Amino acid sequence: MKKVIISILSLLFFLSIAACSKDANPQIRVTNKLSENVSFVIQVPGETEIRINDVTAGTTTEYRSSLAGNVTATAIIQNQSISFNTVINNSYTIVLSDTQPLSVIIE
């Protein structure tokens, strides 16, 4: 009986470690520091584009999951774009402001 309990506890321990070690897809969100709403098109490798429409002035969107690789984000109204590489387990914030060109913050 003691061996069965030890075996079950060992199995649960290894399953919990395996569950915690999964790699998470990159996460992308947008911060709009302009005084007007803006829409974004984000080209992700191996996926259709991600559209984030009408990002309200002064707000940040929720994260969207994407695949790792070269990503191109375009602010439609301002016709600004930026390309960057995403990797597993990282989060990215695309920032649009009046004072600087479109930029990416890795979190």
C-alpha atoms as a PDB file:
ATOM      1  CA  MET A   1       0.000   0.000   0.000  1.00  0.00           C
ATOM      2  CA  LYS A   2       2.844   2.337   0.844  1.00  0.00           C
ATOM      3  CA  LYS A   3       4.411   1.773  -2.605  1.00  0.00           C
ATOM      4  CA  VAL A   4       1.133   2.659  -4.321  1.00  0.00           C
ATOM      5  CA  ILE A   5       0.835   5.945  -2.419  1.00  0.00           C
ATOM      6  CA  ILE A   6       4.458   6.839  -3.170  1.00  0.00           C
ATOM      7  CA  SER A   7       3.949   5.983  -6.846  1.00  0.00           C
ATOM      8  CA  ILE A   8       0.814   8.137  -7.067  1.00  0.00           C
ATOM      9  CA  LEU A   9       2.501  11.072  -5.324  1.00  0.00           C
ATOM     10  CA  SER A  10       5.538  10.752  -7.612  1.00  0.00           C
ATOM     11  CA  LEU A  11       3.315  10.703 -10.683  1.00  0.00           C
ATOM     12  CA  LEU A  12       1.440  13.805  -9.495  1.00  0.00           C
ATOM     13  CA  PHE A  13       4.727  15.583  -8.819  1.00  0.00           C
ATOM     14  CA  PHE A  14       6.092  14.880 -12.305  1.00  0.00           C
ATOM     15  CA  LEU A  15       2.819  15.856 -13.960  1.00  0.00           C
ATOM     16  CA  SER A  16       2.777  19.182 -12.116  1.00  0.00           C
ATOM     17  CA  ILE A  17       6.349  19.929 -13.231  1.00  0.00           C
ATOM     18  CA  ALA A  18       5.492  19.069 -16.837  1.00  0.00           C
ATOM     19  CA  ALA A  19       2.422  21.321 -16.743  1.00  0.00           C
ATOM     20  CA  CYS A  20       4.430  24.295 -15.468  1.00  0.00           C
ATOM     21  CA  SER A  21       7.202  24.022 -18.036  1.00  0.00           C
ATOM     22  CA  LYS A  22       5.130  24.541 -21.191  1.00  0.00           C
ATOM     23  CA  ASP A  23       6.276  27.333 -23.432  1.00  0.00           C
ATOM     24  CA  ALA A  24       3.751  30.125 -23.917  1.00  0.00           C
ATOM     25  CA  ASN A  25       3.178  31.831 -27.256  1.00  0.00           C
ATOM     26  CA  PRO A  26       4.261  35.467 -27.536  1.00  0.00           C
ATOM     27  CA  GLN A  27       1.677  38.045 -26.430  1.00  0.00           C
ATOM     28  CA  ILE A  28       1.161  41.363 -28.270  1.00  0.00           C
ATOM     29  CA  ARG A  29      -0.828  44.432 -27.211  1.00  0.00           C
ATOM     30  CA  VAL A  30      -1.106  48.051 -28.385  1.00  0.00           C
ATOM     31  CA  THR A  31      -0.790  51.319 -26.439  1.00  0.00           C
ATOM     32  CA  ASN A  32      -2.271  54.395 -28.132  1.00  0.00           C
ATOM     33  CA  LYS A  33      -0.802  57.649 -26.767  1.00  0.00           C
ATOM     34  CA  LEU A  34      -2.407  59.775 -29.470  1.00  0.00           C
ATOM     35  CA  SER A  35      -5.456  61.986 -28.975  1.00  0.00           C
ATOM     36  CA  GLU A  36      -7.443  60.040 -31.590  1.00  0.00           C
ATOM     37  CA  ASN A  37      -8.537  56.426 -32.017  1.00  0.00           C
ATOM     38  CA  VAL A  38      -6.349  54.231 -34.205  1.00  0.00           C
ATOM     39  CA  SER A  39      -6.561  50.767 -35.772  1.00  0.00           C
ATOM     40  CA  PHE A  40      -3.711  48.303 -36.232  1.00  0.00           C
ATOM     41  CA  VAL A  41      -2.996  45.423 -38.566  1.00  0.00           C
ATOM     42  CA  ILE A  42      -0.451  42.960 -37.226  1.00  0.00           C
ATOM     43  CA  GLN A  43       1.038  40.453 -39.683  1.00  0.00           C
ATOM     44  CA  VAL A  44       2.083  37.270 -37.885  1.00  0.00           C
ATOM     45  CA  PRO A  45       3.991  34.428 -39.577  1.00  0.00           C
ATOM     46  CA  GLY A  46       1.882  31.366 -40.277  1.00  0.00           C
ATOM     47  CA  GLU A  47      -1.358  33.113 -39.279  1.00  0.00           C
ATOM     48  CA  THR A  48      -3.829  35.443 -40.845  1.00  0.00           C
ATOM     49  CA  GLU A  49      -3.380  39.033 -39.779  1.00  0.00           C
ATOM     50  CA  ILE A  50      -4.499  40.231 -36.376  1.00  0.00           C
ATOM     51  CA  ARG A  51      -6.687  43.336 -36.583  1.00  0.00           C
ATOM     52  CA  ILE A  52      -7.061  45.561 -33.550  1.00  0.00           C
ATOM     53  CA  ASN A  53      -9.672  48.156 -34.447  1.00  0.00           C
ATOM     54  CA  ASP A  54     -10.440  51.515 -32.840  1.00  0.00           C
ATOM     55  CA  VAL A  55      -7.911  51.561 -30.027  1.00  0.00           C
ATOM     56  CA  THR A  56      -9.217  54.431 -27.925  1.00  0.00           C
ATOM     57  CA  ALA A  57      -6.910  57.394 -27.349  1.00  0.00           C
ATOM     58  CA  GLY A  58      -4.808  56.984 -24.212  1.00  0.00           C
ATOM     59  CA  THR A  59      -5.564  53.284 -23.690  1.00  0.00           C
ATOM     60  CA  THR A  60      -3.822  49.917 -23.907  1.00  0.00           C
ATOM     61  CA  THR A  61      -5.495  46.835 -25.381  1.00  0.00           C
ATOM     62  CA  GLU A  62      -5.586  43.334 -23.936  1.00  0.00           C
ATOM     63  CA  TYR A  63      -2.837  40.942 -24.980  1.00  0.00           C
ATOM     64  CA  ARG A  64      -3.359  38.841 -28.099  1.00  0.00           C
ATOM     65  CA  SER A  65      -1.546  35.556 -28.558  1.00  0.00           C
ATOM     66  CA  SER A  66       0.540  35.045 -31.706  1.00  0.00           C
ATOM     67  CA  LEU A  67       3.147  32.713 -33.118  1.00  0.00           C
ATOM     68  CA  ALA A  68       6.856  33.360 -32.681  1.00  0.00           C
ATOM     69  CA  GLY A  69       8.708  34.932 -35.598  1.00  0.00           C
ATOM     70  CA  ASN A  70       8.965  38.148 -37.574  1.00  0.00           C
ATOM     71  CA  VAL A  71       5.941  40.383 -36.946  1.00  0.00           C
ATOM     72  CA  THR A  72       4.982  43.567 -38.800  1.00  0.00           C
ATOM     73  CA  ALA A  73       2.563  45.999 -37.141  1.00  0.00           C
ATOM     74  CA  THR A  74       0.992  48.885 -39.056  1.00  0.00           C
ATOM     75  CA  ALA A  75      -0.961  51.809 -37.590  1.00  0.00           C
ATOM     76  CA  ILE A  76      -3.517  52.310 -40.345  1.00  0.00           C
ATOM     77  CA  ILE A  77      -4.422  56.022 -39.968  1.00  0.00           C
ATOM     78  CA  GLN A  78      -0.827  57.191 -39.415  1.00  0.00           C
ATOM     79  CA  ASN A  79       0.555  54.735 -42.002  1.00  0.00           C
ATOM     80  CA  GLN A  80       3.439  53.913 -39.653  1.00  0.00           C
ATOM     81  CA  SER A  81       4.771  50.394 -39.431  1.00  0.00           C
ATOM     82  CA  ILE A  82       7.369  48.498 -37.442  1.00  0.00           C
ATOM     83  CA  SER A  83       8.836  45.003 -37.773  1.00  0.00           C
ATOM     84  CA  PHE A  84      10.221  42.971 -34.895  1.00  0.00           C
ATOM     85  CA  ASN A  85      10.892  39.367 -33.919  1.00  0.00           C
ATOM     86  CA  THR A  86       8.818  37.686 -31.254  1.00  0.00           C
ATOM     87  CA  VAL A  87       9.946  34.716 -29.179  1.00  0.00           C
ATOM     88  CA  ILE A  88       8.228  32.206 -26.933  1.00  0.00           C
ATOM     89  CA  ASN A  89       7.425  33.348 -23.347  1.00  0.00           C
ATOM     90  CA  ASN A  90       7.749  37.100 -24.066  1.00  0.00           C
ATOM     91  CA  SER A  91       5.145  39.872 -24.116  1.00  0.00           C
ATOM     92  CA  TYR A  92       5.320  42.902 -26.406  1.00  0.00           C
ATOM     93  CA  THR A  93       3.651  46.300 -26.311  1.00  0.00           C
ATOM     94  CA  ILE A  94       3.471  48.342 -29.514  1.00  0.00           C
ATOM     95  CA  VAL A  95       3.452  52.051 -28.593  1.00  0.00           C
ATOM     96  CA  LEU A  96       2.112  54.813 -30.838  1.00  0.00           C
ATOM     97  CA  SER A  97       2.716  58.414 -29.741  1.00  0.00           C
ATOM     98  CA  ASP A  98       3.004  61.937 -31.156  1.00  0.00           C
ATOM     99  CA  THR A  99       6.554  62.429 -29.943  1.00  0.00           C
ATOM    100  CA  GLN A 100       8.326  59.352 -31.304  1.00  0.00           C
ATOM    101  CA  PRO A 101       8.009  56.821 -34.125  1.00  0.00           C
ATOM    102  CA  LEU A 102       6.136  53.571 -33.593  1.00  0.00           C
ATOM    103  CA  SER A 103       8.069  51.503 -31.044  1.00  0.00           C
ATOM    104  CA  VAL A 104       7.992  48.110 -29.295  1.00  0.00           C
ATOM    105  CA  ILE A 105       8.569  47.422 -25.606  1.00  0.00           C
ATOM    106  CA  ILE A 106       9.562  43.887 -24.615  1.00  0.00           C
ATOM    107  CA  GLU A 107       8.187  42.944 -21.217  1.00  0.00           C
END
